[in-house]
Amino acid sequence: MWTVQVEEDPETGQLLLPFPADLLSQMGWSEGTELFWEDKGNNSFSLTEVKKSSPPEESDTDVGC
């Protein structure tokens, strides 16, 4: 388990979570990875990667509207 402190970008005022390199490597995350933030209700939070589903393949039976 990792613990990180929220930081504020001095130029934009946006809040940031600076993830350690070993966490990013272990999770397979990189800049641009979309994460889901879940409040566990006990003063802790969970982050999980949002898996993007690929668009369905078109077939001869698809009907366009």
PDB file of N, CA and C in Angstrom:
ATOM      1  N   MET A   1       0.846  -1.168   0.000  1.00  0.00           N
ATOM      2  CA  MET A   1       0.000   0.000   0.000  1.00  0.00           C
ATOM      3  C   MET A   1       0.896   1.237   0.000  1.00  0.00           C
ATOM      4  N   TRP A   2       0.457   2.240  -0.741  1.00  0.00           N
ATOM      5  CA  TRP A   2       1.190   3.490  -0.805  1.00  0.00           C
ATOM      6  C   TRP A   2       0.344   4.597  -0.193  1.00  0.00           C
ATOM      7  N   THR A   3       1.022   5.580   0.361  1.00  0.00           N
ATOM      8  CA  THR A   3       0.366   6.783   0.854  1.00  0.00           C
ATOM      9  C   THR A   3       1.021   7.968   0.179  1.00  0.00           C
ATOM     10  N   VAL A   4       0.217   8.834  -0.429  1.00  0.00           N
ATOM     11  CA  VAL A   4       0.749  10.038  -1.068  1.00  0.00           C
ATOM     12  C   VAL A   4      -0.015  11.249  -0.551  1.00  0.00           C
ATOM     13  N   GLN A   5       0.618  12.391  -0.594  1.00  0.00           N
ATOM     14  CA  GLN A   5       0.017  13.646  -0.169  1.00  0.00           C
ATOM     15  C   GLN A   5      -0.469  14.410  -1.388  1.00  0.00           C
ATOM     16  N   VAL A   6      -1.642  14.999  -1.288  1.00  0.00           N
ATOM     17  CA  VAL A   6      -2.170  15.839  -2.356  1.00  0.00           C
ATOM     18  C   VAL A   6      -1.323  17.099  -2.434  1.00  0.00           C
ATOM     19  N   GLU A   7      -0.950  17.473  -3.653  1.00  0.00           N
ATOM     20  CA  GLU A   7      -0.175  18.695  -3.878  1.00  0.00           C
ATOM     21  C   GLU A   7      -0.967  19.618  -4.789  1.00  0.00           C
ATOM     22  N   GLU A   8      -0.664  20.902  -4.722  1.00  0.00           N
ATOM     23  CA  GLU A   8      -1.322  21.890  -5.587  1.00  0.00           C
ATOM     24  C   GLU A   8      -0.335  22.401  -6.622  1.00  0.00           C
ATOM     25  N   ASP A   9      -0.754  22.386  -7.889  1.00  0.00           N
ATOM     26  CA  ASP A   9       0.075  22.936  -8.965  1.00  0.00           C
ATOM     27  C   ASP A   9       0.105  24.442  -8.771  1.00  0.00           C
ATOM     28  N   PRO A  10       1.296  25.024  -8.595  1.00  0.00           N
ATOM     29  CA  PRO A  10       1.378  26.468  -8.328  1.00  0.00           C
ATOM     30  C   PRO A  10       0.913  27.343  -9.498  1.00  0.00           C
ATOM     31  N   GLU A  11       0.948  26.802 -10.714  1.00  0.00           N
ATOM     32  CA  GLU A  11       0.543  27.594 -11.880  1.00  0.00           C
ATOM     33  C   GLU A  11      -0.964  27.536 -12.132  1.00  0.00           C
ATOM     34  N   THR A  12      -1.559  26.358 -11.931  1.00  0.00           N
ATOM     35  CA  THR A  12      -2.976  26.189 -12.276  1.00  0.00           C
ATOM     36  C   THR A  12      -3.898  26.108 -11.068  1.00  0.00           C
ATOM     37  N   GLY A  13      -3.339  25.787  -9.909  1.00  0.00           N
ATOM     38  CA  GLY A  13      -4.155  25.595  -8.721  1.00  0.00           C
ATOM     39  C   GLY A  13      -4.816  24.226  -8.665  1.00  0.00           C
ATOM     40  N   GLN A  14      -4.602  23.387  -9.696  1.00  0.00           N
ATOM     41  CA  GLN A  14      -5.179  22.047  -9.700  1.00  0.00           C
ATOM     42  C   GLN A  14      -4.502  21.186  -8.636  1.00  0.00           C
ATOM     43  N   LEU A  15      -5.297  20.274  -8.068  1.00  0.00           N
ATOM     44  CA  LEU A  15      -4.757  19.349  -7.086  1.00  0.00           C
ATOM     45  C   LEU A  15      -4.211  18.116  -7.791  1.00  0.00           C
ATOM     46  N   LEU A  16      -3.073  17.634  -7.295  1.00  0.00           N
ATOM     47  CA  LEU A  16      -2.368  16.517  -7.924  1.00  0.00           C
ATOM     48  C   LEU A  16      -2.033  15.444  -6.902  1.00  0.00           C
ATOM     49  N   LEU A  17      -1.989  14.207  -7.354  1.00  0.00           N
ATOM     50  CA  LEU A  17      -1.475  13.098  -6.557  1.00  0.00           C
ATOM     51  C   LEU A  17      -0.198  12.616  -7.230  1.00  0.00           C
ATOM     52  N   PRO A  18       0.964  12.904  -6.652  1.00  0.00           N
ATOM     53  CA  PRO A  18       2.222  12.481  -7.270  1.00  0.00           C
ATOM     54  C   PRO A  18       2.503  11.006  -6.964  1.00  0.00           C
ATOM     55  N   PHE A  19       2.271  10.133  -7.946  1.00  0.00           N
ATOM     56  CA  PHE A  19       2.471   8.700  -7.736  1.00  0.00           C
ATOM     57  C   PHE A  19       3.947   8.348  -7.854  1.00  0.00           C
ATOM     58  N   PRO A  20       4.450   7.530  -6.938  1.00  0.00           N
ATOM     59  CA  PRO A  20       5.844   7.082  -7.032  1.00  0.00           C
ATOM     60  C   PRO A  20       6.058   6.224  -8.285  1.00  0.00           C
ATOM     61  N   ALA A  21       7.256   6.286  -8.848  1.00  0.00           N
ATOM     62  CA  ALA A  21       7.576   5.548 -10.066  1.00  0.00           C
ATOM     63  C   ALA A  21       7.362   4.049  -9.896  1.00  0.00           C
ATOM     64  N   ASP A  22       7.686   3.497  -8.709  1.00  0.00           N
ATOM     65  CA  ASP A  22       7.512   2.056  -8.516  1.00  0.00           C
ATOM     66  C   ASP A  22       6.038   1.661  -8.504  1.00  0.00           C
ATOM     67  N   LEU A  23       5.156   2.541  -8.028  1.00  0.00           N
ATOM     68  CA  LEU A  23       3.718   2.284  -8.072  1.00  0.00           C
ATOM     69  C   LEU A  23       3.230   2.264  -9.518  1.00  0.00           C
ATOM     70  N   LEU A  24       3.626   3.277 -10.302  1.00  0.00           N
ATOM     71  CA  LEU A  24       3.221   3.340 -11.707  1.00  0.00           C
ATOM     72  C   LEU A  24       3.677   2.102 -12.461  1.00  0.00           C
ATOM     73  N   SER A  25       4.908   1.701 -12.222  1.00  0.00           N
ATOM     74  CA  SER A  25       5.462   0.530 -12.896  1.00  0.00           C
ATOM     75  C   SER A  25       4.703  -0.735 -12.506  1.00  0.00           C
ATOM     76  N   GLN A  26       4.473  -0.930 -11.229  1.00  0.00           N
ATOM     77  CA  GLN A  26       3.796  -2.132 -10.756  1.00  0.00           C
ATOM     78  C   GLN A  26       2.365  -2.216 -11.277  1.00  0.00           C
ATOM     79  N   MET A  27       1.680  -1.079 -11.370  1.00  0.00           N
ATOM     80  CA  MET A  27       0.286  -1.064 -11.806  1.00  0.00           C
ATOM     81  C   MET A  27       0.152  -1.016 -13.329  1.00  0.00           C
ATOM     82  N   GLY A  28       1.248  -0.708 -14.033  1.00  0.00           N
ATOM     83  CA  GLY A  28       1.188  -0.583 -15.487  1.00  0.00           C
ATOM     84  C   GLY A  28       0.541   0.723 -15.920  1.00  0.00           C
ATOM     85  N   TRP A  29       0.569   1.725 -15.044  1.00  0.00           N
ATOM     86  CA  TRP A  29      -0.029   3.029 -15.336  1.00  0.00           C
ATOM     87  C   TRP A  29       1.029   3.968 -15.896  1.00  0.00           C
ATOM     88  N   SER A  30       0.564   4.954 -16.667  1.00  0.00           N
ATOM     89  CA  SER A  30       1.439   6.008 -17.164  1.00  0.00           C
ATOM     90  C   SER A  30       0.612   7.280 -17.264  1.00  0.00           C
ATOM     91  N   GLU A  31       1.262   8.366 -17.637  1.00  0.00           N
ATOM     92  CA  GLU A  31       0.540   9.630 -17.800  1.00  0.00           C
ATOM     93  C   GLU A  31      -0.594   9.407 -18.800  1.00  0.00           C
ATOM     94  N   GLY A  32      -1.783   9.836 -18.431  1.00  0.00           N
ATOM     95  CA  GLY A  32      -2.938   9.686 -19.301  1.00  0.00           C
ATOM     96  C   GLY A  32      -3.816   8.489 -18.952  1.00  0.00           C
ATOM     97  N   THR A  33      -3.345   7.609 -18.052  1.00  0.00           N
ATOM     98  CA  THR A  33      -4.172   6.486 -17.631  1.00  0.00           C
ATOM     99  C   THR A  33      -5.375   7.041 -16.863  1.00  0.00           C
ATOM    100  N   GLU A  34      -6.582   6.626 -17.261  1.00  0.00           N
ATOM    101  CA  GLU A  34      -7.799   7.094 -16.591  1.00  0.00           C
ATOM    102  C   GLU A  34      -8.066   6.208 -15.384  1.00  0.00           C
ATOM    103  N   LEU A  35      -8.277   6.856 -14.216  1.00  0.00           N
ATOM    104  CA  LEU A  35      -8.487   6.132 -12.971  1.00  0.00           C
ATOM    105  C   LEU A  35      -9.855   6.442 -12.383  1.00  0.00           C
ATOM    106  N   PHE A  36     -10.438   5.465 -11.714  1.00  0.00           N
ATOM    107  CA  PHE A  36     -11.697   5.630 -10.992  1.00  0.00           C
ATOM    108  C   PHE A  36     -11.360   5.788  -9.519  1.00  0.00           C
ATOM    109  N   TRP A  37     -11.877   6.850  -8.901  1.00  0.00           N
ATOM    110  CA  TRP A  37     -11.621   7.176  -7.503  1.00  0.00           C
ATOM    111  C   TRP A  37     -12.820   6.702  -6.692  1.00  0.00           C
ATOM    112  N   GLU A  38     -12.621   5.783  -5.752  1.00  0.00           N
ATOM    113  CA  GLU A  38     -13.715   5.262  -4.931  1.00  0.00           C
ATOM    114  C   GLU A  38     -13.481   5.611  -3.469  1.00  0.00           C
ATOM    115  N   ASP A  39     -14.452   6.275  -2.860  1.00  0.00           N
ATOM    116  CA  ASP A  39     -14.421   6.585  -1.428  1.00  0.00           C
ATOM    117  C   ASP A  39     -14.845   5.328  -0.685  1.00  0.00           C
ATOM    118  N   LYS A  40     -13.943   4.767   0.101  1.00  0.00           N
ATOM    119  CA  LYS A  40     -14.232   3.531   0.819  1.00  0.00           C
ATOM    120  C   LYS A  40     -15.067   3.779   2.082  1.00  0.00           C
ATOM    121  N   GLY A  41     -15.322   5.061   2.422  1.00  0.00           N
ATOM    122  CA  GLY A  41     -16.178   5.383   3.547  1.00  0.00           C
ATOM    123  C   GLY A  41     -15.519   5.267   4.909  1.00  0.00           C
ATOM    124  N   ASN A  42     -14.240   4.995   4.956  1.00  0.00           N
ATOM    125  CA  ASN A  42     -13.534   4.865   6.238  1.00  0.00           C
ATOM    126  C   ASN A  42     -12.272   5.729   6.237  1.00  0.00           C
ATOM    127  N   ASN A  43     -12.381   6.898   5.618  1.00  0.00           N
ATOM    128  CA  ASN A  43     -11.252   7.823   5.463  1.00  0.00           C
ATOM    129  C   ASN A  43     -10.160   7.265   4.565  1.00  0.00           C
ATOM    130  N   SER A  44     -10.517   6.328   3.690  1.00  0.00           N
ATOM    131  CA  SER A  44      -9.563   5.822   2.709  1.00  0.00           C
ATOM    132  C   SER A  44     -10.228   5.798   1.342  1.00  0.00           C
ATOM    133  N   PHE A  45      -9.402   5.729   0.321  1.00  0.00           N
ATOM    134  CA  PHE A  45      -9.870   5.758  -1.058  1.00  0.00           C
ATOM    135  C   PHE A  45      -9.167   4.673  -1.843  1.00  0.00           C
ATOM    136  N   SER A  46      -9.804   4.242  -2.917  1.00  0.00           N
ATOM    137  CA  SER A  46      -9.237   3.230  -3.795  1.00  0.00           C
ATOM    138  C   SER A  46      -9.215   3.783  -5.211  1.00  0.00           C
ATOM    139  N   LEU A  47      -8.131   3.530  -5.929  1.00  0.00           N
ATOM    140  CA  LEU A  47      -8.014   3.929  -7.326  1.00  0.00           C
ATOM    141  C   LEU A  47      -7.877   2.676  -8.174  1.00  0.00           C
ATOM    142  N   THR A  48      -8.680   2.596  -9.225  1.00  0.00           N
ATOM    143  CA  THR A  48      -8.571   1.490 -10.159  1.00  0.00           C
ATOM    144  C   THR A  48      -8.588   2.040 -11.574  1.00  0.00           C
ATOM    145  N   GLU A  49      -7.885   1.364 -12.455  1.00  0.00           N
ATOM    146  CA  GLU A  49      -7.813   1.798 -13.855  1.00  0.00           C
ATOM    147  C   GLU A  49      -9.152   1.571 -14.542  1.00  0.00           C
ATOM    148  N   VAL A  50      -9.586   2.571 -15.293  1.00  0.00           N
ATOM    149  CA  VAL A  50     -10.798   2.450 -16.093  1.00  0.00           C
ATOM    150  C   VAL A  50     -10.401   1.760 -17.387  1.00  0.00           C
ATOM    151  N   LYS A  51     -10.967   0.601 -17.611  1.00  0.00           N
ATOM    152  CA  LYS A  51     -10.673  -0.153 -18.829  1.00  0.00           C
ATOM    153  C   LYS A  51     -11.594   0.341 -19.932  1.00  0.00           C
ATOM    154  N   LYS A  52     -11.021   0.775 -21.017  1.00  0.00           N
ATOM    155  CA  LYS A  52     -11.802   1.250 -22.160  1.00  0.00           C
ATOM    156  C   LYS A  52     -12.221   0.053 -22.993  1.00  0.00           C
ATOM    157  N   SER A  53     -13.505  -0.026 -23.291  1.00  0.00           N
ATOM    158  CA  SER A  53     -13.956  -1.108 -24.155  1.00  0.00           C
ATOM    159  C   SER A  53     -13.796  -0.657 -25.596  1.00  0.00           C
ATOM    160  N   SER A  54     -13.445  -1.597 -26.435  1.00  0.00           N
ATOM    161  CA  SER A  54     -13.277  -1.257 -27.842  1.00  0.00           C
ATOM    162  C   SER A  54     -14.651  -1.177 -28.497  1.00  0.00           C
ATOM    163  N   PRO A  55     -14.797  -0.327 -29.495  1.00  0.00           N
ATOM    164  CA  PRO A  55     -16.099  -0.211 -30.163  1.00  0.00           C
ATOM    165  C   PRO A  55     -16.455  -1.520 -30.848  1.00  0.00           C
ATOM    166  N   PRO A  56     -17.736  -1.824 -30.912  1.00  0.00           N
ATOM    167  CA  PRO A  56     -18.127  -3.079 -31.564  1.00  0.00           C
ATOM    168  C   PRO A  56     -17.746  -3.066 -33.034  1.00  0.00           C
ATOM    169  N   GLU A  57     -17.396  -4.246 -33.521  1.00  0.00           N
ATOM    170  CA  GLU A  57     -17.035  -4.351 -34.935  1.00  0.00           C
ATOM    171  C   GLU A  57     -18.287  -4.294 -35.783  1.00  0.00           C
ATOM    172  N   GLU A  58     -18.187  -3.651 -36.931  1.00  0.00           N
ATOM    173  CA  GLU A  58     -19.325  -3.583 -37.846  1.00  0.00           C
ATOM    174  C   GLU A  58     -19.462  -4.918 -38.576  1.00  0.00           C
ATOM    175  N   SER A  59     -20.683  -5.293 -38.871  1.00  0.00           N
ATOM    176  CA  SER A  59     -20.914  -6.488 -39.645  1.00  0.00           C
ATOM    177  C   SER A  59     -21.934  -6.187 -40.729  1.00  0.00           C
ATOM    178  N   ASP A  60     -22.131  -7.114 -41.637  1.00  0.00           N
ATOM    179  CA  ASP A  60     -23.077  -6.915 -42.717  1.00  0.00           C
ATOM    180  C   ASP A  60     -24.529  -6.791 -42.220  1.00  0.00           C
ATOM    181  N   THR A  61     -24.766  -7.258 -40.984  1.00  0.00           N
ATOM    182  CA  THR A  61     -26.140  -7.238 -40.476  1.00  0.00           C
ATOM    183  C   THR A  61     -26.423  -5.985 -39.657  1.00  0.00           C
ATOM    184  N   ASP A  62     -25.421  -5.132 -39.423  1.00  0.00           N
ATOM    185  CA  ASP A  62     -25.666  -3.891 -38.686  1.00  0.00           C
ATOM    186  C   ASP A  62     -26.524  -2.957 -39.498  1.00  0.00           C
ATOM    187  N   VAL A  63     -27.450  -2.293 -38.828  1.00  0.00           N
ATOM    188  CA  VAL A  63     -28.323  -1.334 -39.496  1.00  0.00           C
ATOM    189  C   VAL A  63     -27.958   0.046 -38.998  1.00  0.00           C
ATOM    190  N   GLY A  64     -27.570   0.922 -39.905  1.00  0.00           N
ATOM    191  CA  GLY A  64     -27.239   2.293 -39.518  1.00  0.00           C
ATOM    192  C   GLY A  64     -28.497   3.135 -39.421  1.00  0.00           C
ATOM    193  N   CYS A  65     -28.536   4.026 -38.443  1.00  0.00           N
ATOM    194  CA  CYS A  65     -29.704   4.915 -38.290  1.00  0.00           C
ATOM    195  C   CYS A  65     -29.285   6.350 -38.476  1.00  0.00           C
TER     196      CYS A  65
END
